[in-house]
Amino acid sequence: MSRALGVDYGQRRVGLALSDRDRLIAQAYETLPNAGKLSVLVEGLCAIIEREEVGHVVVGWPLRLNGKEGLQTRKVARLIEALSARTAVPISRWDERLSTASAERSLIEGRVGREGRRSHVDQLAACFILQGWLDAQRSAEPS
């Protein structure tokens, strides 16, 4: 089986997580800078997809707490559209509500300092997104 790539899209940084080949466990991978140039970000993601032999991309879908879409949702939709135009790899959306807050809380509980949290929170949020999707895929498989 191929790996899955989790993406937590943010205004300044894009956190990435990568699964193992059996698609059981999500692991923090890296953080890409987001300078606002969508084509540069898509190029970086395509390079990772190819290098890591990714067979599925899971992008965090940023719904508001009330379940409605907002400005950030439209930005993520543009990312998905641009990425879909560049790769044949399937792309899924996954509700990411509270993933960053959960990641931040986990880092605080792990006694990670403010600077360490800033550099890892996006990757960890991508892990929460990807792990949720991986778990849902396994539970949907017939026993």
N, C-alpha and C. Protein backbone atom coordinates (compact mmCIF):
# COMPACT_ATOMS: atom_id res chain seq x y z
N MET A 1 0.84 -1.17 0.00
CA MET A 1 0.00 0.00 0.00
C MET A 1 0.89 1.24 0.00
N SER A 2 0.39 2.33 -0.46
CA SER A 2 1.16 3.57 -0.50
C SER A 2 0.86 4.42 0.74
N ARG A 3 1.68 5.40 0.93
CA ARG A 3 1.52 6.30 2.07
C ARG A 3 0.40 7.31 1.83
N ALA A 4 -0.07 7.90 2.91
CA ALA A 4 -1.01 9.01 2.84
C ALA A 4 -0.32 10.24 3.43
N LEU A 5 -0.62 11.39 2.87
CA LEU A 5 -0.04 12.65 3.32
C LEU A 5 -1.15 13.51 3.92
N GLY A 6 -0.94 13.97 5.15
CA GLY A 6 -1.89 14.86 5.80
C GLY A 6 -1.40 16.30 5.68
N VAL A 7 -2.33 17.22 5.41
CA VAL A 7 -1.98 18.63 5.19
C VAL A 7 -2.82 19.51 6.10
N ASP A 8 -2.16 20.33 6.90
CA ASP A 8 -2.83 21.34 7.72
C ASP A 8 -2.43 22.70 7.15
N TYR A 9 -3.32 23.29 6.35
CA TYR A 9 -3.04 24.55 5.66
C TYR A 9 -3.24 25.72 6.60
N GLY A 10 -2.22 26.55 6.70
CA GLY A 10 -2.30 27.75 7.53
C GLY A 10 -1.83 28.96 6.76
N GLN A 11 -2.14 30.14 7.28
CA GLN A 11 -1.79 31.40 6.62
C GLN A 11 -0.28 31.55 6.43
N ARG A 12 0.51 31.14 7.42
CA ARG A 12 1.96 31.30 7.37
C ARG A 12 2.72 30.00 7.17
N ARG A 13 2.13 28.90 7.67
CA ARG A 13 2.82 27.61 7.61
C ARG A 13 1.82 26.52 7.23
N VAL A 14 2.36 25.49 6.57
CA VAL A 14 1.55 24.33 6.19
C VAL A 14 2.19 23.11 6.83
N GLY A 15 1.50 22.54 7.81
CA GLY A 15 2.00 21.36 8.50
C GLY A 15 1.71 20.10 7.69
N LEU A 16 2.66 19.18 7.70
CA LEU A 16 2.51 17.94 6.97
C LEU A 16 2.76 16.74 7.88
N ALA A 17 1.99 15.70 7.64
CA ALA A 17 2.17 14.42 8.33
C ALA A 17 2.16 13.34 7.27
N LEU A 18 2.85 12.26 7.54
CA LEU A 18 2.95 11.16 6.59
C LEU A 18 2.63 9.86 7.31
N SER A 19 1.89 9.00 6.62
CA SER A 19 1.57 7.70 7.22
C SER A 19 2.66 6.70 6.88
N ASP A 20 2.62 5.58 7.57
CA ASP A 20 3.46 4.45 7.18
C ASP A 20 2.81 3.81 5.94
N ARG A 21 3.50 2.86 5.32
CA ARG A 21 2.99 2.24 4.09
C ARG A 21 1.71 1.42 4.33
N ASP A 22 1.51 0.94 5.54
CA ASP A 22 0.29 0.19 5.86
C ASP A 22 -0.88 1.11 6.21
N ARG A 23 -0.63 2.40 6.26
CA ARG A 23 -1.64 3.41 6.59
C ARG A 23 -2.29 3.16 7.95
N LEU A 24 -1.42 2.90 8.93
CA LEU A 24 -1.89 2.70 10.30
C LEU A 24 -1.60 3.90 11.19
N ILE A 25 -0.42 4.49 11.03
CA ILE A 25 0.05 5.52 11.95
C ILE A 25 0.47 6.77 11.19
N ALA A 26 0.03 7.93 11.66
CA ALA A 26 0.46 9.22 11.12
C ALA A 26 1.64 9.71 11.93
N GLN A 27 2.63 10.26 11.23
CA GLN A 27 3.82 10.80 11.88
C GLN A 27 4.07 12.21 11.36
N ALA A 28 4.53 13.10 12.24
CA ALA A 28 4.89 14.45 11.80
C ALA A 28 5.95 14.34 10.72
N TYR A 29 5.84 15.15 9.70
CA TYR A 29 6.78 15.07 8.58
C TYR A 29 7.59 16.36 8.45
N GLU A 30 6.95 17.46 8.11
CA GLU A 30 7.65 18.74 8.04
C GLU A 30 6.66 19.88 7.96
N THR A 31 7.19 21.08 8.03
CA THR A 31 6.37 22.28 7.90
C THR A 31 6.89 23.07 6.71
N LEU A 32 6.00 23.40 5.79
CA LEU A 32 6.37 24.23 4.65
C LEU A 32 5.95 25.67 4.94
N PRO A 33 6.78 26.63 4.53
CA PRO A 33 6.35 28.02 4.69
C PRO A 33 5.25 28.33 3.68
N ASN A 34 4.34 29.19 4.05
CA ASN A 34 3.29 29.63 3.14
C ASN A 34 3.45 31.13 2.95
N ALA A 35 4.10 31.49 1.85
CA ALA A 35 4.35 32.90 1.57
C ALA A 35 3.21 33.52 0.75
N GLY A 36 2.11 32.77 0.60
CA GLY A 36 0.96 33.29 -0.12
C GLY A 36 0.98 33.00 -1.61
N LYS A 37 2.00 32.31 -2.09
CA LYS A 37 2.11 31.97 -3.52
C LYS A 37 1.67 30.52 -3.68
N LEU A 38 0.42 30.32 -4.10
CA LEU A 38 -0.18 28.99 -4.17
C LEU A 38 0.62 28.06 -5.08
N SER A 39 1.11 28.56 -6.20
CA SER A 39 1.85 27.70 -7.13
C SER A 39 3.13 27.14 -6.50
N VAL A 40 3.80 27.92 -5.68
CA VAL A 40 5.01 27.46 -5.01
C VAL A 40 4.67 26.36 -4.01
N LEU A 41 3.60 26.56 -3.26
CA LEU A 41 3.17 25.55 -2.29
C LEU A 41 2.78 24.26 -2.99
N VAL A 42 2.05 24.35 -4.08
CA VAL A 42 1.63 23.15 -4.83
C VAL A 42 2.84 22.42 -5.38
N GLU A 43 3.83 23.16 -5.89
CA GLU A 43 5.06 22.53 -6.38
C GLU A 43 5.76 21.74 -5.26
N GLY A 44 5.84 22.35 -4.08
CA GLY A 44 6.45 21.68 -2.94
C GLY A 44 5.70 20.42 -2.55
N LEU A 45 4.39 20.50 -2.53
CA LEU A 45 3.58 19.33 -2.19
C LEU A 45 3.73 18.23 -3.24
N CYS A 46 3.74 18.61 -4.51
CA CYS A 46 3.91 17.60 -5.58
C CYS A 46 5.26 16.90 -5.48
N ALA A 47 6.29 17.65 -5.12
CA ALA A 47 7.62 17.05 -4.96
C ALA A 47 7.60 16.02 -3.83
N ILE A 48 6.94 16.33 -2.73
CA ILE A 48 6.84 15.40 -1.60
C ILE A 48 6.00 14.19 -1.99
N ILE A 49 4.90 14.41 -2.68
CA ILE A 49 4.04 13.31 -3.12
C ILE A 49 4.84 12.32 -3.96
N GLU A 50 5.65 12.83 -4.85
CA GLU A 50 6.46 11.96 -5.71
C GLU A 50 7.58 11.28 -4.92
N ARG A 51 8.32 12.07 -4.15
CA ARG A 51 9.48 11.53 -3.41
C ARG A 51 9.07 10.46 -2.40
N GLU A 52 7.96 10.68 -1.71
CA GLU A 52 7.53 9.76 -0.65
C GLU A 52 6.53 8.71 -1.13
N GLU A 53 6.26 8.69 -2.44
CA GLU A 53 5.35 7.72 -3.03
C GLU A 53 3.99 7.75 -2.33
N VAL A 54 3.43 8.95 -2.26
CA VAL A 54 2.14 9.17 -1.62
C VAL A 54 1.03 8.73 -2.56
N GLY A 55 0.08 7.96 -2.03
CA GLY A 55 -1.04 7.48 -2.83
C GLY A 55 -2.36 8.15 -2.48
N HIS A 56 -2.36 8.99 -1.44
CA HIS A 56 -3.58 9.69 -1.06
C HIS A 56 -3.19 10.92 -0.24
N VAL A 57 -3.86 12.04 -0.50
CA VAL A 57 -3.63 13.27 0.25
C VAL A 57 -4.89 13.59 1.04
N VAL A 58 -4.71 13.92 2.31
CA VAL A 58 -5.83 14.29 3.18
C VAL A 58 -5.59 15.72 3.65
N VAL A 59 -6.48 16.61 3.25
CA VAL A 59 -6.34 18.02 3.57
C VAL A 59 -7.36 18.40 4.64
N GLY A 60 -6.89 19.06 5.68
CA GLY A 60 -7.79 19.52 6.73
C GLY A 60 -8.80 20.51 6.18
N TRP A 61 -10.08 20.27 6.45
CA TRP A 61 -11.17 21.11 5.97
C TRP A 61 -11.60 21.99 7.14
N PRO A 62 -11.26 23.28 7.09
CA PRO A 62 -11.46 24.16 8.25
C PRO A 62 -12.88 24.73 8.37
N LEU A 63 -13.75 23.95 8.93
CA LEU A 63 -15.10 24.43 9.20
C LEU A 63 -15.10 25.24 10.49
N ARG A 64 -16.04 26.16 10.58
CA ARG A 64 -16.20 26.90 11.82
C ARG A 64 -16.81 25.97 12.86
N LEU A 65 -16.77 26.37 14.11
CA LEU A 65 -17.32 25.51 15.17
C LEU A 65 -18.79 25.20 14.96
N ASN A 66 -19.51 26.08 14.27
CA ASN A 66 -20.93 25.83 14.00
C ASN A 66 -21.13 24.95 12.76
N GLY A 67 -20.02 24.49 12.14
CA GLY A 67 -20.11 23.59 11.00
C GLY A 67 -20.18 24.29 9.65
N LYS A 68 -20.20 25.62 9.64
CA LYS A 68 -20.29 26.37 8.39
C LYS A 68 -18.90 26.66 7.83
N GLU A 69 -18.86 26.87 6.52
CA GLU A 69 -17.61 27.22 5.85
C GLU A 69 -17.35 28.71 5.99
N GLY A 70 -16.07 29.08 5.94
CA GLY A 70 -15.68 30.48 6.05
C GLY A 70 -14.60 30.82 5.05
N LEU A 71 -13.93 31.93 5.25
CA LEU A 71 -12.87 32.40 4.36
C LEU A 71 -11.75 31.37 4.24
N GLN A 72 -11.31 30.81 5.36
CA GLN A 72 -10.21 29.83 5.32
C GLN A 72 -10.62 28.59 4.53
N THR A 73 -11.88 28.21 4.59
CA THR A 73 -12.38 27.06 3.84
C THR A 73 -12.22 27.32 2.34
N ARG A 74 -12.52 28.54 1.91
CA ARG A 74 -12.38 28.87 0.49
C ARG A 74 -10.92 28.83 0.06
N LYS A 75 -10.02 29.24 0.93
CA LYS A 75 -8.59 29.19 0.61
C LYS A 75 -8.13 27.73 0.47
N VAL A 76 -8.60 26.87 1.35
CA VAL A 76 -8.25 25.45 1.27
C VAL A 76 -8.85 24.83 0.01
N ALA A 77 -10.05 25.25 -0.35
CA ALA A 77 -10.68 24.75 -1.59
C ALA A 77 -9.83 25.11 -2.80
N ARG A 78 -9.25 26.31 -2.82
CA ARG A 78 -8.37 26.71 -3.93
C ARG A 78 -7.10 25.85 -3.95
N LEU A 79 -6.57 25.55 -2.76
CA LEU A 79 -5.39 24.67 -2.69
C LEU A 79 -5.73 23.30 -3.26
N ILE A 80 -6.85 22.73 -2.86
CA ILE A 80 -7.25 21.41 -3.34
C ILE A 80 -7.44 21.43 -4.86
N GLU A 81 -8.06 22.47 -5.37
CA GLU A 81 -8.28 22.60 -6.80
C GLU A 81 -6.94 22.67 -7.56
N ALA A 82 -6.02 23.49 -7.07
CA ALA A 82 -4.71 23.63 -7.71
C ALA A 82 -3.91 22.33 -7.63
N LEU A 83 -3.97 21.65 -6.49
CA LEU A 83 -3.25 20.40 -6.33
C LEU A 83 -3.84 19.31 -7.22
N SER A 84 -5.16 19.28 -7.32
CA SER A 84 -5.85 18.30 -8.17
C SER A 84 -5.48 18.47 -9.64
N ALA A 85 -5.21 19.70 -10.03
CA ALA A 85 -4.83 19.97 -11.42
C ALA A 85 -3.41 19.50 -11.73
N ARG A 86 -2.61 19.28 -10.70
CA ARG A 86 -1.21 18.91 -10.88
C ARG A 86 -0.89 17.45 -10.59
N THR A 87 -1.78 16.73 -9.92
CA THR A 87 -1.51 15.34 -9.58
C THR A 87 -2.77 14.50 -9.71
N ALA A 88 -2.57 13.24 -10.06
CA ALA A 88 -3.70 12.31 -10.17
C ALA A 88 -3.98 11.62 -8.84
N VAL A 89 -3.17 11.89 -7.83
CA VAL A 89 -3.35 11.29 -6.51
C VAL A 89 -4.69 11.76 -5.92
N PRO A 90 -5.51 10.83 -5.41
CA PRO A 90 -6.79 11.24 -4.81
C PRO A 90 -6.56 12.16 -3.61
N ILE A 91 -7.48 13.12 -3.47
CA ILE A 91 -7.41 14.08 -2.38
C ILE A 91 -8.73 14.04 -1.62
N SER A 92 -8.65 13.90 -0.31
CA SER A 92 -9.84 13.91 0.55
C SER A 92 -9.78 15.09 1.48
N ARG A 93 -10.95 15.59 1.85
CA ARG A 93 -11.05 16.63 2.87
C ARG A 93 -11.40 15.92 4.19
N TRP A 94 -10.87 16.48 5.29
CA TRP A 94 -11.17 15.92 6.60
C TRP A 94 -11.42 17.07 7.58
N ASP A 95 -12.52 17.01 8.28
CA ASP A 95 -12.89 18.05 9.24
C ASP A 95 -11.75 18.24 10.23
N GLU A 96 -11.22 19.44 10.26
CA GLU A 96 -10.07 19.70 11.12
C GLU A 96 -10.41 20.54 12.34
N ARG A 97 -11.70 20.73 12.61
CA ARG A 97 -12.05 21.56 13.76
C ARG A 97 -11.32 21.11 15.01
N LEU A 98 -10.69 22.06 15.65
CA LEU A 98 -9.97 21.88 16.91
C LEU A 98 -8.67 21.08 16.78
N SER A 99 -8.23 20.75 15.56
CA SER A 99 -6.98 19.99 15.44
C SER A 99 -5.78 20.80 15.93
N THR A 100 -5.73 22.09 15.59
CA THR A 100 -4.62 22.92 16.05
C THR A 100 -4.68 23.11 17.56
N ALA A 101 -5.88 23.31 18.09
CA ALA A 101 -6.03 23.46 19.54
C ALA A 101 -5.60 22.18 20.25
N SER A 102 -5.97 21.03 19.70
CA SER A 102 -5.58 19.75 20.30
C SER A 102 -4.07 19.57 20.24
N ALA A 103 -3.47 19.96 19.12
CA ALA A 103 -2.02 19.85 18.96
C ALA A 103 -1.32 20.76 19.97
N GLU A 104 -1.80 21.98 20.09
CA GLU A 104 -1.22 22.93 21.04
C GLU A 104 -1.31 22.39 22.46
N ARG A 105 -2.47 21.85 22.82
CA ARG A 105 -2.67 21.30 24.16
C ARG A 105 -1.72 20.12 24.42
N SER A 106 -1.55 19.26 23.42
CA SER A 106 -0.64 18.11 23.57
C SER A 106 0.79 18.57 23.79
N LEU A 107 1.20 19.60 23.08
CA LEU A 107 2.57 20.11 23.24
C LEU A 107 2.77 20.76 24.60
N ILE A 108 1.75 21.47 25.06
CA ILE A 108 1.84 22.09 26.39
C ILE A 108 1.92 21.01 27.46
N GLU A 109 1.07 19.98 27.34
CA GLU A 109 1.11 18.87 28.30
C GLU A 109 2.45 18.15 28.27
N GLY A 110 3.10 18.14 27.12
CA GLY A 110 4.43 17.55 26.99
C GLY A 110 5.54 18.48 27.41
N ARG A 111 5.14 19.63 27.97
CA ARG A 111 6.09 20.63 28.48
C ARG A 111 7.03 21.16 27.40
N VAL A 112 6.50 21.31 26.18
CA VAL A 112 7.28 21.89 25.09
C VAL A 112 7.15 23.41 25.20
N GLY A 113 8.29 24.10 25.15
CA GLY A 113 8.30 25.55 25.27
C GLY A 113 7.61 26.25 24.11
N ARG A 114 7.38 27.54 24.26
CA ARG A 114 6.65 28.34 23.27
C ARG A 114 7.29 28.24 21.88
N GLU A 115 8.61 28.38 21.78
CA GLU A 115 9.29 28.31 20.48
C GLU A 115 9.16 26.91 19.88
N GLY A 116 9.29 25.90 20.68
CA GLY A 116 9.13 24.52 20.21
C GLY A 116 7.72 24.25 19.73
N ARG A 117 6.76 24.81 20.44
CA ARG A 117 5.36 24.64 20.02
C ARG A 117 5.12 25.29 18.67
N ARG A 118 5.65 26.49 18.49
CA ARG A 118 5.44 27.21 17.24
C ARG A 118 5.99 26.42 16.05
N SER A 119 7.12 25.77 16.24
CA SER A 119 7.73 25.06 15.12
C SER A 119 7.13 23.68 14.88
N HIS A 120 6.37 23.14 15.85
CA HIS A 120 5.83 21.79 15.69
C HIS A 120 4.31 21.69 15.66
N VAL A 121 3.60 22.75 16.04
CA VAL A 121 2.16 22.65 16.17
C VAL A 121 1.48 22.33 14.84
N ASP A 122 1.99 22.85 13.73
CA ASP A 122 1.35 22.61 12.43
C ASP A 122 1.52 21.15 12.00
N GLN A 123 2.71 20.60 12.24
CA GLN A 123 2.93 19.18 11.91
C GLN A 123 2.04 18.28 12.77
N LEU A 124 1.94 18.62 14.04
CA LEU A 124 1.12 17.80 14.94
C LEU A 124 -0.36 17.92 14.58
N ALA A 125 -0.81 19.11 14.18
CA ALA A 125 -2.19 19.27 13.72
C ALA A 125 -2.42 18.41 12.48
N ALA A 126 -1.46 18.36 11.57
CA ALA A 126 -1.57 17.51 10.38
C ALA A 126 -1.64 16.04 10.79
N CYS A 127 -0.93 15.67 11.85
CA CYS A 127 -1.01 14.29 12.37
C CYS A 127 -2.41 13.97 12.86
N PHE A 128 -3.02 14.90 13.61
CA PHE A 128 -4.39 14.69 14.10
C PHE A 128 -5.35 14.51 12.93
N ILE A 129 -5.20 15.33 11.90
CA ILE A 129 -6.05 15.26 10.72
C ILE A 129 -5.87 13.91 10.03
N LEU A 130 -4.62 13.56 9.75
CA LEU A 130 -4.35 12.32 9.03
C LEU A 130 -4.73 11.09 9.84
N GLN A 131 -4.44 11.09 11.14
CA GLN A 131 -4.77 9.93 11.96
C GLN A 131 -6.28 9.73 12.03
N GLY A 132 -7.03 10.81 12.12
CA GLY A 132 -8.49 10.70 12.11
C GLY A 132 -8.99 10.05 10.83
N TRP A 133 -8.42 10.46 9.70
CA TRP A 133 -8.81 9.88 8.42
C TRP A 133 -8.40 8.41 8.34
N LEU A 134 -7.18 8.10 8.76
CA LEU A 134 -6.70 6.71 8.74
C LEU A 134 -7.61 5.81 9.57
N ASP A 135 -7.95 6.27 10.77
CA ASP A 135 -8.81 5.48 11.66
C ASP A 135 -10.19 5.27 11.03
N ALA A 136 -10.72 6.30 10.39
CA ALA A 136 -12.03 6.18 9.75
C ALA A 136 -11.99 5.20 8.59
N GLN A 137 -10.89 5.18 7.86
CA GLN A 137 -10.75 4.25 6.73
C GLN A 137 -10.74 2.81 7.23
N ARG A 138 -10.03 2.57 8.32
CA ARG A 138 -9.95 1.23 8.89
C ARG A 138 -11.30 0.77 9.42
N SER A 139 -12.02 1.68 10.08
CA SER A 139 -13.30 1.29 10.65
C SER A 139 -14.36 1.09 9.56
N ALA A 140 -14.14 1.65 8.38
CA ALA A 140 -15.09 1.47 7.27
C ALA A 140 -14.83 0.20 6.49
N GLU A 141 -13.65 -0.42 6.70
CA GLU A 141 -13.34 -1.67 6.01
C GLU A 141 -14.16 -2.82 6.59
N PRO A 142 -14.65 -3.70 5.72
CA PRO A 142 -15.38 -4.87 6.24
C PRO A 142 -14.45 -5.78 7.02
N SER A 143 -14.96 -6.35 8.09
CA SER A 143 -14.14 -7.23 8.95
C SER A 143 -13.99 -8.60 8.36
